[in-house]
Amino acid sequence: MAKKATEHVLSDPTQLDALSKRLKRAHGQLGAVVRMLEEGRTCEEIVVQMAAVGKAINTAAFTLIAANLKECIEDDKENGPAVTEKLQKLFLSLA
């Protein structure tokens, strides 16, 4: 299956590693939230942890979009404006 001109896959190994670590951490935090619910922890404690999970995921998403935007601008001048527009829409979807 051929990729559309505005699609891009992140290739920076440093960014990929950082994103993977952040998402694994968020995965662990989410597991902790489930355990907290099962243990009968307070609403406040659970919500604080849920907020941390949400922030970790949003930060990962923003990082992914920013890294993709950087690569697209540097590597693909031809489709740069279309890719930039698509990534801007992704940013806005997180707002």
N, C-alpha and C. Protein backbone atom coordinates (compact mmCIF):
# COMPACT_ATOMS: atom_id res chain seq x y z
N MET A 1 0.85 -1.18 0.00
CA MET A 1 0.00 0.00 0.00
C MET A 1 0.89 1.24 0.00
N ALA A 2 0.73 2.11 -0.96
CA ALA A 2 1.54 3.32 -1.07
C ALA A 2 1.04 4.37 -0.10
N LYS A 3 1.98 5.14 0.44
CA LYS A 3 1.62 6.22 1.35
C LYS A 3 1.17 7.44 0.57
N LYS A 4 0.25 8.20 1.14
CA LYS A 4 -0.17 9.46 0.54
C LYS A 4 0.97 10.45 0.68
N ALA A 5 0.95 11.47 -0.15
CA ALA A 5 2.03 12.47 -0.15
C ALA A 5 2.15 13.19 1.19
N THR A 6 1.06 13.32 1.94
CA THR A 6 1.11 14.06 3.20
C THR A 6 1.37 13.18 4.41
N GLU A 7 1.58 11.88 4.23
CA GLU A 7 1.86 10.99 5.35
C GLU A 7 3.36 10.94 5.60
N HIS A 8 3.69 10.76 6.86
CA HIS A 8 5.09 10.71 7.23
C HIS A 8 5.25 9.79 8.43
N VAL A 9 6.30 9.02 8.44
CA VAL A 9 6.62 8.14 9.56
C VAL A 9 7.88 8.67 10.22
N LEU A 10 7.83 8.87 11.51
CA LEU A 10 8.98 9.39 12.25
C LEU A 10 10.15 8.42 12.13
N SER A 11 11.32 8.96 11.80
CA SER A 11 12.48 8.08 11.61
C SER A 11 13.63 8.37 12.57
N ASP A 12 13.55 9.46 13.34
CA ASP A 12 14.61 9.82 14.27
C ASP A 12 14.66 8.83 15.43
N PRO A 13 15.70 8.00 15.51
CA PRO A 13 15.74 6.97 16.55
C PRO A 13 15.76 7.54 17.97
N THR A 14 16.34 8.70 18.15
CA THR A 14 16.36 9.32 19.48
C THR A 14 14.95 9.70 19.90
N GLN A 15 14.20 10.31 18.98
CA GLN A 15 12.82 10.70 19.29
C GLN A 15 11.94 9.46 19.50
N LEU A 16 12.14 8.46 18.65
CA LEU A 16 11.35 7.23 18.80
C LEU A 16 11.59 6.58 20.16
N ASP A 17 12.84 6.55 20.59
CA ASP A 17 13.18 5.96 21.88
C ASP A 17 12.55 6.76 23.02
N ALA A 18 12.65 8.08 22.94
CA ALA A 18 12.08 8.94 23.99
C ALA A 18 10.56 8.77 24.05
N LEU A 19 9.91 8.72 22.90
CA LEU A 19 8.46 8.53 22.87
C LEU A 19 8.07 7.18 23.43
N SER A 20 8.80 6.16 23.06
CA SER A 20 8.52 4.82 23.56
C SER A 20 8.63 4.77 25.08
N LYS A 21 9.68 5.35 25.63
CA LYS A 21 9.86 5.37 27.08
C LYS A 21 8.73 6.13 27.77
N ARG A 22 8.34 7.28 27.20
CA ARG A 22 7.28 8.09 27.80
C ARG A 22 5.96 7.32 27.80
N LEU A 23 5.66 6.65 26.70
CA LEU A 23 4.40 5.91 26.61
C LEU A 23 4.41 4.67 27.50
N LYS A 24 5.55 4.02 27.65
CA LYS A 24 5.64 2.88 28.57
C LYS A 24 5.42 3.35 30.00
N ARG A 25 5.95 4.52 30.32
CA ARG A 25 5.74 5.08 31.65
C ARG A 25 4.25 5.37 31.87
N ALA A 26 3.61 5.96 30.86
CA ALA A 26 2.18 6.25 30.96
C ALA A 26 1.37 4.96 31.09
N HIS A 27 1.80 3.93 30.39
CA HIS A 27 1.14 2.62 30.48
C HIS A 27 1.22 2.10 31.91
N GLY A 28 2.39 2.22 32.51
CA GLY A 28 2.56 1.81 33.90
C GLY A 28 1.70 2.63 34.85
N GLN A 29 1.62 3.94 34.60
CA GLN A 29 0.78 4.81 35.43
C GLN A 29 -0.69 4.40 35.31
N LEU A 30 -1.12 4.06 34.11
CA LEU A 30 -2.51 3.66 33.92
C LEU A 30 -2.80 2.36 34.66
N GLY A 31 -1.85 1.44 34.64
CA GLY A 31 -2.00 0.22 35.43
C GLY A 31 -2.13 0.52 36.91
N ALA A 32 -1.38 1.51 37.36
CA ALA A 32 -1.47 1.92 38.77
C ALA A 32 -2.84 2.49 39.09
N VAL A 33 -3.43 3.20 38.16
CA VAL A 33 -4.77 3.75 38.37
C VAL A 33 -5.78 2.61 38.54
N VAL A 34 -5.67 1.60 37.71
CA VAL A 34 -6.57 0.44 37.82
C VAL A 34 -6.40 -0.22 39.19
N ARG A 35 -5.15 -0.40 39.61
CA ARG A 35 -4.90 -1.01 40.92
C ARG A 35 -5.48 -0.14 42.04
N MET A 36 -5.34 1.17 41.91
CA MET A 36 -5.87 2.09 42.91
C MET A 36 -7.39 1.94 43.03
N LEU A 37 -8.06 1.81 41.88
CA LEU A 37 -9.51 1.61 41.90
C LEU A 37 -9.86 0.31 42.62
N GLU A 38 -9.13 -0.74 42.28
CA GLU A 38 -9.39 -2.05 42.88
C GLU A 38 -9.09 -2.06 44.37
N GLU A 39 -8.14 -1.25 44.80
CA GLU A 39 -7.76 -1.18 46.22
C GLU A 39 -8.67 -0.26 47.02
N GLY A 40 -9.54 0.48 46.33
CA GLY A 40 -10.45 1.39 47.03
C GLY A 40 -9.80 2.68 47.48
N ARG A 41 -8.82 3.15 46.72
CA ARG A 41 -8.15 4.42 47.07
C ARG A 41 -9.11 5.58 46.88
N THR A 42 -8.75 6.73 47.42
CA THR A 42 -9.64 7.89 47.38
C THR A 42 -9.77 8.45 45.96
N CYS A 43 -10.88 9.10 45.74
CA CYS A 43 -11.15 9.73 44.45
C CYS A 43 -10.04 10.71 44.10
N GLU A 44 -9.62 11.50 45.07
CA GLU A 44 -8.58 12.51 44.83
C GLU A 44 -7.27 11.87 44.36
N GLU A 45 -6.87 10.80 45.04
CA GLU A 45 -5.63 10.11 44.66
C GLU A 45 -5.72 9.56 43.23
N ILE A 46 -6.86 8.99 42.91
CA ILE A 46 -7.05 8.39 41.59
C ILE A 46 -7.06 9.46 40.51
N VAL A 47 -7.77 10.54 40.76
CA VAL A 47 -7.85 11.61 39.76
C VAL A 47 -6.48 12.23 39.53
N VAL A 48 -5.69 12.39 40.57
CA VAL A 48 -4.34 12.94 40.40
C VAL A 48 -3.52 12.04 39.48
N GLN A 49 -3.62 10.73 39.69
CA GLN A 49 -2.88 9.81 38.83
C GLN A 49 -3.43 9.79 37.41
N MET A 50 -4.74 9.89 37.27
CA MET A 50 -5.33 9.94 35.93
C MET A 50 -4.87 11.19 35.18
N ALA A 51 -4.77 12.29 35.90
CA ALA A 51 -4.29 13.53 35.28
C ALA A 51 -2.85 13.37 34.82
N ALA A 52 -2.04 12.67 35.61
CA ALA A 52 -0.65 12.42 35.23
C ALA A 52 -0.57 11.56 33.97
N VAL A 53 -1.43 10.56 33.88
CA VAL A 53 -1.47 9.71 32.68
C VAL A 53 -1.86 10.54 31.47
N GLY A 54 -2.88 11.35 31.62
CA GLY A 54 -3.33 12.20 30.51
C GLY A 54 -2.25 13.15 30.05
N LYS A 55 -1.55 13.75 30.99
CA LYS A 55 -0.49 14.68 30.63
C LYS A 55 0.65 13.96 29.91
N ALA A 56 1.00 12.78 30.39
CA ALA A 56 2.07 12.01 29.76
C ALA A 56 1.72 11.65 28.32
N ILE A 57 0.48 11.24 28.10
CA ILE A 57 0.05 10.88 26.76
C ILE A 57 -0.01 12.10 25.86
N ASN A 58 -0.55 13.20 26.35
CA ASN A 58 -0.60 14.42 25.54
C ASN A 58 0.79 14.93 25.21
N THR A 59 1.70 14.87 26.16
CA THR A 59 3.07 15.30 25.91
C THR A 59 3.71 14.43 24.83
N ALA A 60 3.47 13.14 24.89
CA ALA A 60 3.99 12.23 23.88
C ALA A 60 3.41 12.57 22.51
N ALA A 61 2.13 12.85 22.46
CA ALA A 61 1.49 13.19 21.18
C ALA A 61 2.06 14.48 20.61
N PHE A 62 2.20 15.51 21.44
CA PHE A 62 2.78 16.78 20.98
C PHE A 62 4.22 16.57 20.51
N THR A 63 4.97 15.77 21.23
CA THR A 63 6.36 15.49 20.85
C THR A 63 6.41 14.77 19.52
N LEU A 64 5.54 13.81 19.32
CA LEU A 64 5.49 13.07 18.06
C LEU A 64 5.17 14.00 16.89
N ILE A 65 4.17 14.84 17.07
CA ILE A 65 3.79 15.76 16.00
C ILE A 65 4.92 16.74 15.70
N ALA A 66 5.53 17.29 16.74
CA ALA A 66 6.62 18.25 16.54
C ALA A 66 7.81 17.61 15.84
N ALA A 67 8.15 16.40 16.23
CA ALA A 67 9.28 15.70 15.61
C ALA A 67 8.98 15.39 14.15
N ASN A 68 7.75 14.98 13.86
CA ASN A 68 7.35 14.73 12.49
C ASN A 68 7.39 16.01 11.66
N LEU A 69 6.92 17.08 12.22
CA LEU A 69 6.92 18.36 11.52
C LEU A 69 8.34 18.77 11.17
N LYS A 70 9.24 18.62 12.13
CA LYS A 70 10.64 18.98 11.90
C LYS A 70 11.22 18.15 10.76
N GLU A 71 11.00 16.84 10.80
CA GLU A 71 11.53 15.97 9.74
C GLU A 71 10.92 16.31 8.39
N CYS A 72 9.62 16.55 8.37
CA CYS A 72 8.96 16.84 7.09
C CYS A 72 9.48 18.13 6.47
N ILE A 73 9.68 19.12 7.30
CA ILE A 73 10.18 20.40 6.78
C ILE A 73 11.60 20.25 6.27
N GLU A 74 12.41 19.49 6.99
CA GLU A 74 13.80 19.30 6.58
C GLU A 74 13.94 18.37 5.39
N ASP A 75 13.16 17.30 5.34
CA ASP A 75 13.36 16.24 4.35
C ASP A 75 12.50 16.35 3.11
N ASP A 76 11.34 16.96 3.21
CA ASP A 76 10.40 16.91 2.10
C ASP A 76 9.88 18.30 1.78
N LYS A 77 10.72 19.10 1.20
CA LYS A 77 10.35 20.48 0.86
C LYS A 77 9.15 20.51 -0.09
N GLU A 78 9.04 19.52 -0.96
CA GLU A 78 8.00 19.49 -1.97
C GLU A 78 6.59 19.42 -1.36
N ASN A 79 6.41 18.54 -0.39
CA ASN A 79 5.09 18.37 0.24
C ASN A 79 5.00 19.08 1.58
N GLY A 80 6.00 19.87 1.91
CA GLY A 80 6.06 20.54 3.21
C GLY A 80 4.80 21.26 3.62
N PRO A 81 4.24 22.13 2.77
CA PRO A 81 3.03 22.85 3.18
C PRO A 81 1.84 21.93 3.48
N ALA A 82 1.63 20.92 2.69
CA ALA A 82 0.52 20.00 2.92
C ALA A 82 0.72 19.21 4.22
N VAL A 83 1.95 18.77 4.44
CA VAL A 83 2.25 18.02 5.66
C VAL A 83 2.11 18.94 6.87
N THR A 84 2.60 20.16 6.76
CA THR A 84 2.49 21.12 7.85
C THR A 84 1.03 21.35 8.22
N GLU A 85 0.18 21.52 7.21
CA GLU A 85 -1.25 21.73 7.47
C GLU A 85 -1.86 20.53 8.19
N LYS A 86 -1.52 19.35 7.74
CA LYS A 86 -2.05 18.13 8.37
C LYS A 86 -1.59 18.02 9.82
N LEU A 87 -0.33 18.32 10.08
CA LEU A 87 0.19 18.23 11.46
C LEU A 87 -0.40 19.32 12.35
N GLN A 88 -0.67 20.49 11.78
CA GLN A 88 -1.33 21.54 12.55
C GLN A 88 -2.72 21.08 13.00
N LYS A 89 -3.42 20.37 12.13
CA LYS A 89 -4.74 19.84 12.49
C LYS A 89 -4.61 18.83 13.63
N LEU A 90 -3.53 18.02 13.59
CA LEU A 90 -3.30 17.07 14.67
C LEU A 90 -3.06 17.80 15.99
N PHE A 91 -2.26 18.89 15.95
CA PHE A 91 -2.04 19.69 17.15
C PHE A 91 -3.37 20.17 17.71
N LEU A 92 -4.21 20.70 16.84
CA LEU A 92 -5.48 21.23 17.29
C LEU A 92 -6.40 20.15 17.84
N SER A 93 -6.27 18.92 17.35
CA SER A 93 -7.10 17.84 17.87
C SER A 93 -6.77 17.52 19.32
N LEU A 94 -5.59 17.90 19.77
CA LEU A 94 -5.19 17.65 21.15
C LEU A 94 -5.58 18.79 22.09
N ALA A 95 -5.96 19.92 21.53
CA ALA A 95 -6.29 21.11 22.34
C ALA A 95 -7.63 20.97 23.02
